Amino acid sequence: MCESELTVTETVMETLDRIEELFASLEEHVLASLSAVGLPSLHDVTDRLWIDISRYGPGLPAFPEVHIPSLGDFQIPPPPPPPPASPASQWLGISSNWIGKHPWKTLGIFMSVAGMAGYIVTQARLKTLYRLRRQQPKSSARRQVVGEAQCHLFLLHPCSSPRLSCSGC
């Protein structure tokens, strides 16, 4: 931090300290002046005021009889019955009950469905691989074994090869 920031911080701290001292002295002055006068507490004053008003003050006026027309006797109808359960929740309840009663059949059904799904996935994968292999272009060039070019020439008659010309035939 530079010097200007330090002086600003020190000035702010001194100002806050002065404000706190001012509030402390003000609080002491108010407490000293109230205790010197000897005023009773606010709670006691309000209690005495309420007792005096209720004992000697004016009474509450009597309210005139007010008749509000009534609706007469009536009965509240019972609430409507709850709506019927949705077919999805009924099917779910029936299915869960059946699964609870037949755990072995449930296991068999689950295993056969999982097996069929696995079979279908495997077959689809194999067909894809077969199709990709079949679509790969086959090169028309023959591969030669190293050294084959020199070895087989003597087996061929020069007349049968278009490249070689035979002088003796």
N, C-alpha and C. Protein backbone atom coordinates (compact mmCIF):
# COMPACT_ATOMS: atom_id res chain seq x y z
N MET A 1 0.84 -1.19 0.00
CA MET A 1 0.00 0.00 0.00
C MET A 1 0.88 1.24 0.00
N CYS A 2 0.44 2.25 -0.66
CA CYS A 2 1.24 3.47 -0.70
C CYS A 2 0.87 4.36 0.48
N GLU A 3 1.62 5.46 0.62
CA GLU A 3 1.46 6.34 1.79
C GLU A 3 0.11 7.03 1.79
N SER A 4 -0.40 7.39 0.64
CA SER A 4 -1.68 8.10 0.59
C SER A 4 -2.82 7.20 1.07
N GLU A 5 -2.75 5.90 0.71
CA GLU A 5 -3.77 4.97 1.18
C GLU A 5 -3.69 4.78 2.68
N LEU A 6 -2.47 4.74 3.23
CA LEU A 6 -2.30 4.59 4.68
C LEU A 6 -2.86 5.80 5.41
N THR A 7 -2.64 6.98 4.91
CA THR A 7 -3.14 8.17 5.60
C THR A 7 -4.66 8.24 5.52
N VAL A 8 -5.24 7.82 4.41
CA VAL A 8 -6.70 7.80 4.29
C VAL A 8 -7.28 6.80 5.27
N THR A 9 -6.66 5.62 5.37
CA THR A 9 -7.15 4.60 6.30
C THR A 9 -7.04 5.08 7.73
N GLU A 10 -5.92 5.71 8.08
CA GLU A 10 -5.74 6.21 9.46
C GLU A 10 -6.75 7.30 9.76
N THR A 11 -7.03 8.17 8.79
CA THR A 11 -8.00 9.25 8.99
C THR A 11 -9.40 8.68 9.21
N VAL A 12 -9.77 7.69 8.43
CA VAL A 12 -11.09 7.07 8.58
C VAL A 12 -11.20 6.41 9.95
N MET A 13 -10.15 5.72 10.37
CA MET A 13 -10.17 5.05 11.68
C MET A 13 -10.29 6.07 12.81
N GLU A 14 -9.58 7.18 12.72
CA GLU A 14 -9.66 8.22 13.75
C GLU A 14 -11.06 8.81 13.80
N THR A 15 -11.68 9.01 12.63
CA THR A 15 -13.03 9.57 12.58
C THR A 15 -14.03 8.61 13.22
N LEU A 16 -13.91 7.32 12.93
CA LEU A 16 -14.82 6.34 13.53
C LEU A 16 -14.64 6.28 15.04
N ASP A 17 -13.41 6.37 15.51
CA ASP A 17 -13.16 6.38 16.96
C ASP A 17 -13.80 7.59 17.61
N ARG A 18 -13.70 8.74 16.97
CA ARG A 18 -14.31 9.96 17.52
C ARG A 18 -15.84 9.82 17.59
N ILE A 19 -16.44 9.22 16.54
CA ILE A 19 -17.91 9.04 16.54
C ILE A 19 -18.33 8.11 17.66
N GLU A 20 -17.57 7.03 17.87
CA GLU A 20 -17.91 6.11 18.97
C GLU A 20 -17.80 6.80 20.32
N GLU A 21 -16.77 7.62 20.53
CA GLU A 21 -16.62 8.36 21.79
C GLU A 21 -17.78 9.32 21.99
N LEU A 22 -18.23 9.98 20.91
CA LEU A 22 -19.35 10.91 20.99
C LEU A 22 -20.63 10.19 21.41
N PHE A 23 -20.91 9.03 20.81
CA PHE A 23 -22.10 8.27 21.19
C PHE A 23 -22.02 7.79 22.64
N ALA A 24 -20.86 7.36 23.07
CA ALA A 24 -20.70 6.90 24.46
C ALA A 24 -20.97 8.04 25.43
N SER A 25 -20.44 9.23 25.15
CA SER A 25 -20.67 10.37 26.06
C SER A 25 -22.13 10.80 26.04
N LEU A 26 -22.77 10.75 24.87
CA LEU A 26 -24.19 11.10 24.77
C LEU A 26 -25.04 10.12 25.58
N GLU A 27 -24.73 8.83 25.49
CA GLU A 27 -25.47 7.83 26.24
C GLU A 27 -25.31 8.05 27.75
N GLU A 28 -24.10 8.35 28.21
CA GLU A 28 -23.87 8.61 29.64
C GLU A 28 -24.64 9.84 30.10
N HIS A 29 -24.68 10.90 29.28
CA HIS A 29 -25.39 12.13 29.63
C HIS A 29 -26.89 11.88 29.76
N VAL A 30 -27.49 11.12 28.81
CA VAL A 30 -28.93 10.84 28.86
C VAL A 30 -29.26 10.01 30.10
N LEU A 31 -28.47 9.00 30.40
CA LEU A 31 -28.73 8.17 31.57
C LEU A 31 -28.59 8.97 32.87
N ALA A 32 -27.60 9.84 32.94
CA ALA A 32 -27.39 10.64 34.15
C ALA A 32 -28.55 11.62 34.35
N SER A 33 -29.04 12.25 33.28
CA SER A 33 -30.13 13.21 33.42
C SER A 33 -31.44 12.52 33.78
N LEU A 34 -31.69 11.33 33.24
CA LEU A 34 -32.93 10.62 33.58
C LEU A 34 -32.90 10.10 35.00
N SER A 35 -31.76 9.62 35.47
CA SER A 35 -31.68 9.11 36.83
C SER A 35 -31.73 10.25 37.84
N ALA A 36 -31.29 11.46 37.48
CA ALA A 36 -31.33 12.60 38.39
C ALA A 36 -32.76 13.08 38.60
N VAL A 37 -33.60 13.03 37.59
CA VAL A 37 -34.97 13.48 37.70
C VAL A 37 -35.79 12.48 38.49
N GLY A 38 -35.48 11.21 38.38
CA GLY A 38 -36.19 10.19 39.11
C GLY A 38 -37.51 9.81 38.48
N LEU A 39 -37.59 9.74 37.16
CA LEU A 39 -38.81 9.35 36.48
C LEU A 39 -39.04 7.85 36.64
N PRO A 40 -40.30 7.47 36.83
CA PRO A 40 -40.58 6.03 36.91
C PRO A 40 -40.43 5.41 35.51
N SER A 41 -40.40 4.11 35.48
CA SER A 41 -40.22 3.43 34.21
C SER A 41 -41.47 3.59 33.33
N LEU A 42 -41.29 3.46 32.08
CA LEU A 42 -42.37 3.63 31.12
C LEU A 42 -43.46 2.59 31.36
N HIS A 43 -43.08 1.40 31.74
CA HIS A 43 -44.04 0.33 32.00
C HIS A 43 -44.97 0.70 33.15
N ASP A 44 -44.40 1.27 34.21
CA ASP A 44 -45.22 1.68 35.36
C ASP A 44 -46.18 2.80 34.97
N VAL A 45 -45.71 3.73 34.17
CA VAL A 45 -46.55 4.86 33.77
C VAL A 45 -47.73 4.37 32.95
N THR A 46 -47.51 3.50 32.01
CA THR A 46 -48.63 3.02 31.18
C THR A 46 -49.60 2.19 31.99
N ASP A 47 -49.10 1.41 32.97
CA ASP A 47 -50.01 0.65 33.83
C ASP A 47 -50.92 1.57 34.63
N ARG A 48 -50.35 2.62 35.23
CA ARG A 48 -51.17 3.55 36.02
C ARG A 48 -52.19 4.27 35.13
N LEU A 49 -51.78 4.67 33.95
CA LEU A 49 -52.69 5.34 33.03
C LEU A 49 -53.85 4.44 32.66
N TRP A 50 -53.60 3.18 32.37
CA TRP A 50 -54.66 2.24 32.01
C TRP A 50 -55.62 2.03 33.17
N ILE A 51 -55.09 1.90 34.38
CA ILE A 51 -55.95 1.71 35.57
C ILE A 51 -56.82 2.93 35.78
N ASP A 52 -56.26 4.14 35.66
CA ASP A 52 -57.04 5.36 35.85
C ASP A 52 -58.13 5.51 34.80
N ILE A 53 -57.81 5.23 33.55
CA ILE A 53 -58.82 5.36 32.49
C ILE A 53 -59.93 4.35 32.67
N SER A 54 -59.57 3.12 33.02
CA SER A 54 -60.62 2.11 33.18
C SER A 54 -61.47 2.37 34.42
N ARG A 55 -60.92 2.99 35.46
CA ARG A 55 -61.68 3.25 36.68
C ARG A 55 -62.50 4.51 36.56
N TYR A 56 -61.91 5.62 36.11
CA TYR A 56 -62.58 6.92 36.14
C TYR A 56 -62.97 7.43 34.76
N GLY A 57 -62.53 6.82 33.74
CA GLY A 57 -62.77 7.34 32.41
C GLY A 57 -64.17 7.02 31.93
N PRO A 58 -64.50 7.50 30.75
CA PRO A 58 -65.84 7.23 30.22
C PRO A 58 -65.99 5.75 29.88
N GLY A 59 -67.17 5.24 30.10
CA GLY A 59 -67.42 3.85 29.78
C GLY A 59 -67.58 3.66 28.28
N LEU A 60 -67.50 2.47 27.88
CA LEU A 60 -67.68 2.18 26.47
C LEU A 60 -69.16 2.30 26.14
N PRO A 61 -69.48 2.91 25.03
CA PRO A 61 -70.89 3.05 24.69
C PRO A 61 -71.50 1.69 24.40
N ALA A 62 -72.77 1.56 24.76
CA ALA A 62 -73.47 0.32 24.49
C ALA A 62 -73.83 0.29 23.00
N PHE A 63 -73.54 -0.81 22.41
CA PHE A 63 -73.84 -0.94 21.00
C PHE A 63 -75.31 -1.29 20.83
N PRO A 64 -75.96 -0.66 19.88
CA PRO A 64 -77.37 -0.98 19.67
C PRO A 64 -77.49 -2.39 19.09
N GLU A 65 -78.64 -2.93 19.28
CA GLU A 65 -78.90 -4.27 18.75
C GLU A 65 -78.93 -4.19 17.23
N VAL A 66 -78.09 -4.94 16.62
CA VAL A 66 -78.04 -4.97 15.17
C VAL A 66 -78.46 -6.36 14.74
N HIS A 67 -79.48 -6.42 13.91
CA HIS A 67 -79.96 -7.70 13.42
C HIS A 67 -79.52 -7.87 11.97
N ILE A 68 -78.78 -8.90 11.76
CA ILE A 68 -78.34 -9.21 10.41
C ILE A 68 -79.23 -10.33 9.91
N PRO A 69 -79.82 -10.15 8.75
CA PRO A 69 -80.68 -11.23 8.25
C PRO A 69 -79.85 -12.50 8.04
N SER A 70 -80.40 -13.60 8.49
CA SER A 70 -79.68 -14.86 8.35
C SER A 70 -80.16 -15.61 7.12
N LEU A 71 -79.39 -16.60 6.77
CA LEU A 71 -79.74 -17.41 5.61
C LEU A 71 -80.69 -18.54 5.97
N GLY A 72 -80.91 -18.72 7.22
CA GLY A 72 -81.78 -19.81 7.65
C GLY A 72 -80.97 -21.09 7.80
N ASP A 73 -81.68 -22.13 8.17
CA ASP A 73 -81.00 -23.42 8.34
C ASP A 73 -80.73 -24.04 6.97
N PHE A 74 -79.57 -24.50 6.80
CA PHE A 74 -79.23 -25.19 5.56
C PHE A 74 -78.18 -26.25 5.88
N GLN A 75 -78.10 -27.22 5.01
CA GLN A 75 -77.14 -28.30 5.20
C GLN A 75 -76.04 -28.18 4.16
N ILE A 76 -74.86 -28.49 4.62
CA ILE A 76 -73.72 -28.47 3.70
C ILE A 76 -73.66 -29.84 3.04
N PRO A 77 -73.65 -29.87 1.72
CA PRO A 77 -73.62 -31.17 1.06
C PRO A 77 -72.27 -31.86 1.31
N PRO A 78 -72.28 -33.18 1.30
CA PRO A 78 -71.01 -33.89 1.51
C PRO A 78 -70.07 -33.63 0.33
N PRO A 79 -68.80 -33.76 0.57
CA PRO A 79 -67.85 -33.53 -0.53
C PRO A 79 -68.02 -34.58 -1.62
N PRO A 80 -67.68 -34.24 -2.83
CA PRO A 80 -67.84 -35.21 -3.92
C PRO A 80 -66.87 -36.37 -3.73
N PRO A 81 -67.22 -37.52 -4.28
CA PRO A 81 -66.33 -38.66 -4.13
C PRO A 81 -65.02 -38.41 -4.88
N PRO A 82 -63.97 -39.06 -4.47
CA PRO A 82 -62.69 -38.84 -5.16
C PRO A 82 -62.79 -39.35 -6.59
N PRO A 83 -62.02 -38.77 -7.48
CA PRO A 83 -62.08 -39.22 -8.88
C PRO A 83 -61.55 -40.65 -8.99
N PRO A 84 -62.04 -41.39 -9.96
CA PRO A 84 -61.57 -42.76 -10.10
C PRO A 84 -60.09 -42.77 -10.48
N ALA A 85 -59.43 -43.85 -10.10
CA ALA A 85 -58.02 -43.98 -10.39
C ALA A 85 -57.81 -44.08 -11.89
N SER A 86 -56.72 -43.52 -12.36
CA SER A 86 -56.45 -43.56 -13.80
C SER A 86 -56.10 -44.98 -14.21
N PRO A 87 -56.36 -45.34 -15.46
CA PRO A 87 -56.07 -46.70 -15.91
C PRO A 87 -54.59 -47.06 -15.78
N ALA A 88 -53.71 -46.07 -15.93
CA ALA A 88 -52.28 -46.36 -15.82
C ALA A 88 -51.93 -46.80 -14.41
N SER A 89 -52.49 -46.13 -13.40
CA SER A 89 -52.18 -46.52 -12.02
C SER A 89 -52.82 -47.86 -11.68
N GLN A 90 -54.01 -48.15 -12.24
CA GLN A 90 -54.62 -49.46 -12.01
C GLN A 90 -53.75 -50.55 -12.63
N TRP A 91 -53.29 -50.33 -13.85
CA TRP A 91 -52.46 -51.33 -14.51
C TRP A 91 -51.17 -51.55 -13.75
N LEU A 92 -50.59 -50.46 -13.24
CA LEU A 92 -49.35 -50.57 -12.48
C LEU A 92 -49.58 -51.37 -11.20
N GLY A 93 -50.70 -51.12 -10.52
CA GLY A 93 -50.99 -51.86 -9.29
C GLY A 93 -51.22 -53.34 -9.57
N ILE A 94 -51.99 -53.62 -10.62
CA ILE A 94 -52.25 -55.02 -10.97
C ILE A 94 -50.96 -55.73 -11.36
N SER A 95 -50.11 -55.04 -12.13
CA SER A 95 -48.84 -55.65 -12.56
C SER A 95 -47.93 -55.92 -11.38
N SER A 96 -47.84 -54.96 -10.47
CA SER A 96 -46.95 -55.18 -9.31
C SER A 96 -47.47 -56.32 -8.43
N ASN A 97 -48.78 -56.44 -8.30
CA ASN A 97 -49.32 -57.58 -7.53
C ASN A 97 -48.98 -58.91 -8.21
N TRP A 98 -49.13 -58.97 -9.54
CA TRP A 98 -48.82 -60.21 -10.26
C TRP A 98 -47.34 -60.55 -10.15
N ILE A 99 -46.47 -59.54 -10.25
CA ILE A 99 -45.03 -59.77 -10.12
C ILE A 99 -44.69 -60.30 -8.74
N GLY A 100 -45.36 -59.78 -7.72
CA GLY A 100 -45.12 -60.26 -6.35
C GLY A 100 -45.57 -61.70 -6.16
N LYS A 101 -46.64 -62.10 -6.85
CA LYS A 101 -47.14 -63.47 -6.70
C LYS A 101 -46.37 -64.46 -7.56
N HIS A 102 -45.77 -64.03 -8.67
CA HIS A 102 -45.09 -64.94 -9.60
C HIS A 102 -43.65 -64.48 -9.87
N PRO A 103 -42.76 -64.60 -8.90
CA PRO A 103 -41.40 -64.10 -9.12
C PRO A 103 -40.61 -64.92 -10.14
N TRP A 104 -40.83 -66.24 -10.20
CA TRP A 104 -40.07 -67.08 -11.13
C TRP A 104 -40.50 -66.84 -12.57
N LYS A 105 -41.79 -66.67 -12.79
CA LYS A 105 -42.26 -66.36 -14.14
C LYS A 105 -41.73 -65.01 -14.59
N THR A 106 -41.73 -64.05 -13.65
CA THR A 106 -41.20 -62.72 -13.96
C THR A 106 -39.73 -62.80 -14.36
N LEU A 107 -38.95 -63.59 -13.62
CA LEU A 107 -37.54 -63.76 -13.93
C LEU A 107 -37.37 -64.40 -15.32
N GLY A 108 -38.19 -65.40 -15.62
CA GLY A 108 -38.10 -66.05 -16.93
C GLY A 108 -38.43 -65.10 -18.06
N ILE A 109 -39.46 -64.30 -17.87
CA ILE A 109 -39.84 -63.33 -18.90
C ILE A 109 -38.73 -62.31 -19.10
N PHE A 110 -38.19 -61.84 -18.00
CA PHE A 110 -37.12 -60.84 -18.07
C PHE A 110 -35.89 -61.41 -18.78
N MET A 111 -35.50 -62.63 -18.43
CA MET A 111 -34.32 -63.24 -19.04
C MET A 111 -34.54 -63.49 -20.54
N SER A 112 -35.75 -63.93 -20.92
CA SER A 112 -35.98 -64.18 -22.34
C SER A 112 -36.00 -62.87 -23.13
N VAL A 113 -36.56 -61.81 -22.57
CA VAL A 113 -36.55 -60.52 -23.26
C VAL A 113 -35.12 -60.01 -23.39
N ALA A 114 -34.32 -60.14 -22.32
CA ALA A 114 -32.93 -59.69 -22.37
C ALA A 114 -32.14 -60.53 -23.39
N GLY A 115 -32.40 -61.84 -23.43
CA GLY A 115 -31.71 -62.70 -24.40
C GLY A 115 -32.06 -62.34 -25.82
N MET A 116 -33.33 -62.10 -26.09
CA MET A 116 -33.75 -61.72 -27.44
C MET A 116 -33.13 -60.38 -27.84
N ALA A 117 -33.09 -59.45 -26.91
CA ALA A 117 -32.48 -58.15 -27.22
C ALA A 117 -31.00 -58.32 -27.54
N GLY A 118 -30.31 -59.14 -26.75
CA GLY A 118 -28.90 -59.40 -27.03
C GLY A 118 -28.70 -60.08 -28.36
N TYR A 119 -29.56 -61.04 -28.71
CA TYR A 119 -29.47 -61.74 -29.99
C TYR A 119 -29.68 -60.78 -31.15
N ILE A 120 -30.67 -59.92 -31.04
CA ILE A 120 -30.97 -58.96 -32.10
C ILE A 120 -29.81 -57.99 -32.29
N VAL A 121 -29.24 -57.52 -31.19
CA VAL A 121 -28.11 -56.59 -31.29
C VAL A 121 -26.92 -57.28 -31.93
N THR A 122 -26.65 -58.51 -31.52
CA THR A 122 -25.51 -59.25 -32.08
C THR A 122 -25.70 -59.50 -33.57
N GLN A 123 -26.89 -59.91 -33.97
CA GLN A 123 -27.14 -60.15 -35.39
C GLN A 123 -27.01 -58.87 -36.21
N ALA A 124 -27.50 -57.78 -35.68
CA ALA A 124 -27.38 -56.52 -36.42
C ALA A 124 -25.92 -56.12 -36.57
N ARG A 125 -25.13 -56.34 -35.54
CA ARG A 125 -23.71 -56.00 -35.60
C ARG A 125 -22.99 -56.89 -36.62
N LEU A 126 -23.32 -58.19 -36.62
CA LEU A 126 -22.67 -59.10 -37.57
C LEU A 126 -23.05 -58.76 -39.01
N LYS A 127 -24.31 -58.42 -39.25
CA LYS A 127 -24.73 -58.05 -40.60
C LYS A 127 -24.02 -56.78 -41.05
N THR A 128 -23.83 -55.85 -40.16
CA THR A 128 -23.13 -54.61 -40.50
C THR A 128 -21.68 -54.90 -40.87
N LEU A 129 -21.03 -55.74 -40.06
CA LEU A 129 -19.64 -56.09 -40.36
C LEU A 129 -19.53 -56.83 -41.69
N TYR A 130 -20.44 -57.76 -41.95
CA TYR A 130 -20.42 -58.51 -43.21
C TYR A 130 -20.62 -57.57 -44.40
N ARG A 131 -21.56 -56.64 -44.26
CA ARG A 131 -21.83 -55.70 -45.34
C ARG A 131 -20.62 -54.80 -45.59
N LEU A 132 -19.96 -54.36 -44.52
CA LEU A 132 -18.79 -53.51 -44.70
C LEU A 132 -17.64 -54.27 -45.36
N ARG A 133 -17.46 -55.53 -45.00
CA ARG A 133 -16.40 -56.32 -45.62
C ARG A 133 -16.69 -56.58 -47.10
N ARG A 134 -17.95 -56.81 -47.43
CA ARG A 134 -18.34 -57.10 -48.79
C ARG A 134 -18.20 -55.86 -49.67
N GLN A 135 -18.40 -54.67 -49.11
CA GLN A 135 -18.35 -53.44 -49.88
C GLN A 135 -16.93 -52.94 -50.09
N GLN A 136 -15.95 -53.45 -49.35
CA GLN A 136 -14.58 -52.98 -49.53
C GLN A 136 -14.10 -53.34 -50.92
N PRO A 137 -13.51 -52.39 -51.64
CA PRO A 137 -13.05 -52.68 -53.00
C PRO A 137 -11.84 -53.61 -52.95
N LYS A 138 -11.89 -54.59 -53.82
CA LYS A 138 -10.76 -55.52 -53.90
C LYS A 138 -9.81 -55.01 -54.97
N SER A 139 -8.56 -54.97 -54.64
CA SER A 139 -7.58 -54.47 -55.61
C SER A 139 -7.35 -55.54 -56.68
N SER A 140 -7.18 -55.09 -57.91
CA SER A 140 -6.95 -56.04 -59.00
C SER A 140 -5.47 -56.42 -59.11
N ALA A 141 -4.61 -55.70 -58.46
CA ALA A 141 -3.18 -56.01 -58.53
C ALA A 141 -2.89 -57.23 -57.67
N ARG A 142 -2.05 -58.08 -58.20
CA ARG A 142 -1.68 -59.27 -57.45
C ARG A 142 -0.49 -58.96 -56.58
N ARG A 143 -0.47 -59.57 -55.47
CA ARG A 143 0.67 -59.39 -54.58
C ARG A 143 1.75 -60.39 -54.94
N GLN A 144 2.94 -59.91 -54.88
CA GLN A 144 4.05 -60.79 -55.22
C GLN A 144 4.82 -61.13 -53.97
N VAL A 145 5.23 -62.35 -53.94
CA VAL A 145 6.08 -62.78 -52.84
C VAL A 145 7.48 -62.31 -53.18
N VAL A 146 8.23 -61.97 -52.18
CA VAL A 146 9.58 -61.46 -52.41
C VAL A 146 10.39 -62.53 -53.13
N GLY A 147 10.96 -62.16 -54.22
CA GLY A 147 11.81 -63.07 -54.97
C GLY A 147 11.06 -63.88 -56.00
N GLU A 148 9.77 -63.77 -56.08
CA GLU A 148 8.97 -64.58 -57.00
C GLU A 148 9.21 -64.16 -58.45
N ALA A 149 9.44 -62.89 -58.66
CA ALA A 149 9.57 -62.39 -60.02
C ALA A 149 10.73 -63.06 -60.77
N GLN A 150 11.83 -63.35 -60.12
CA GLN A 150 12.96 -63.95 -60.81
C GLN A 150 12.81 -65.47 -60.93
N CYS A 151 12.09 -66.09 -59.98
CA CYS A 151 12.04 -67.55 -59.95
C CYS A 151 11.11 -68.13 -61.00
N HIS A 152 10.03 -67.48 -61.32
CA HIS A 152 9.04 -68.11 -62.19
C HIS A 152 9.28 -67.82 -63.67
N LEU A 153 10.18 -66.96 -63.97
CA LEU A 153 10.39 -66.63 -65.38
C LEU A 153 10.92 -67.81 -66.20
N PHE A 154 11.74 -68.60 -65.57
CA PHE A 154 12.30 -69.71 -66.34
C PHE A 154 11.26 -70.80 -66.58
N LEU A 155 10.17 -70.82 -65.81
CA LEU A 155 9.14 -71.82 -66.01
C LEU A 155 8.25 -71.48 -67.21
N LEU A 156 8.17 -70.24 -67.51
CA LEU A 156 7.31 -69.82 -68.61
C LEU A 156 8.11 -69.82 -69.91
N HIS A 157 7.47 -70.24 -70.89
CA HIS A 157 8.10 -70.19 -72.20
C HIS A 157 7.99 -68.77 -72.70
N PRO A 158 9.02 -68.24 -73.29
CA PRO A 158 8.97 -66.87 -73.73
C PRO A 158 7.85 -66.59 -74.71
N CYS A 159 7.35 -67.54 -75.40
CA CYS A 159 6.29 -67.29 -76.36
C CYS A 159 4.95 -67.08 -75.67
N SER A 160 4.78 -67.64 -74.50
CA SER A 160 3.49 -67.52 -73.83
C SER A 160 3.36 -66.18 -73.10
N SER A 161 4.47 -65.48 -72.92
CA SER A 161 4.40 -64.22 -72.22
C SER A 161 4.36 -63.07 -73.21
N PRO A 162 3.45 -62.12 -73.10
CA PRO A 162 3.38 -61.02 -74.05
C PRO A 162 4.56 -60.06 -73.90
N ARG A 163 5.18 -60.05 -72.78
CA ARG A 163 6.28 -59.11 -72.58
C ARG A 163 7.59 -59.63 -73.18
N LEU A 164 7.72 -60.90 -73.08
CA LEU A 164 8.97 -61.48 -73.55
C LEU A 164 8.84 -61.89 -75.02
N SER A 165 9.83 -61.64 -75.72
CA SER A 165 9.80 -62.06 -77.12
C SER A 165 10.74 -63.24 -77.31
N CYS A 166 10.27 -64.14 -78.02
CA CYS A 166 11.06 -65.34 -78.22
C CYS A 166 11.74 -65.26 -79.60
N SER A 167 13.01 -65.46 -79.60
CA SER A 167 13.72 -65.40 -80.88
C SER A 167 13.84 -66.76 -81.53
N GLY A 168 13.66 -67.83 -80.70
CA GLY A 168 13.85 -69.15 -81.25
C GLY A 168 12.59 -69.82 -81.71
N CYS A 169 11.43 -69.38 -81.37
CA CYS A 169 10.19 -70.09 -81.72
C CYS A 169 9.66 -69.69 -83.05
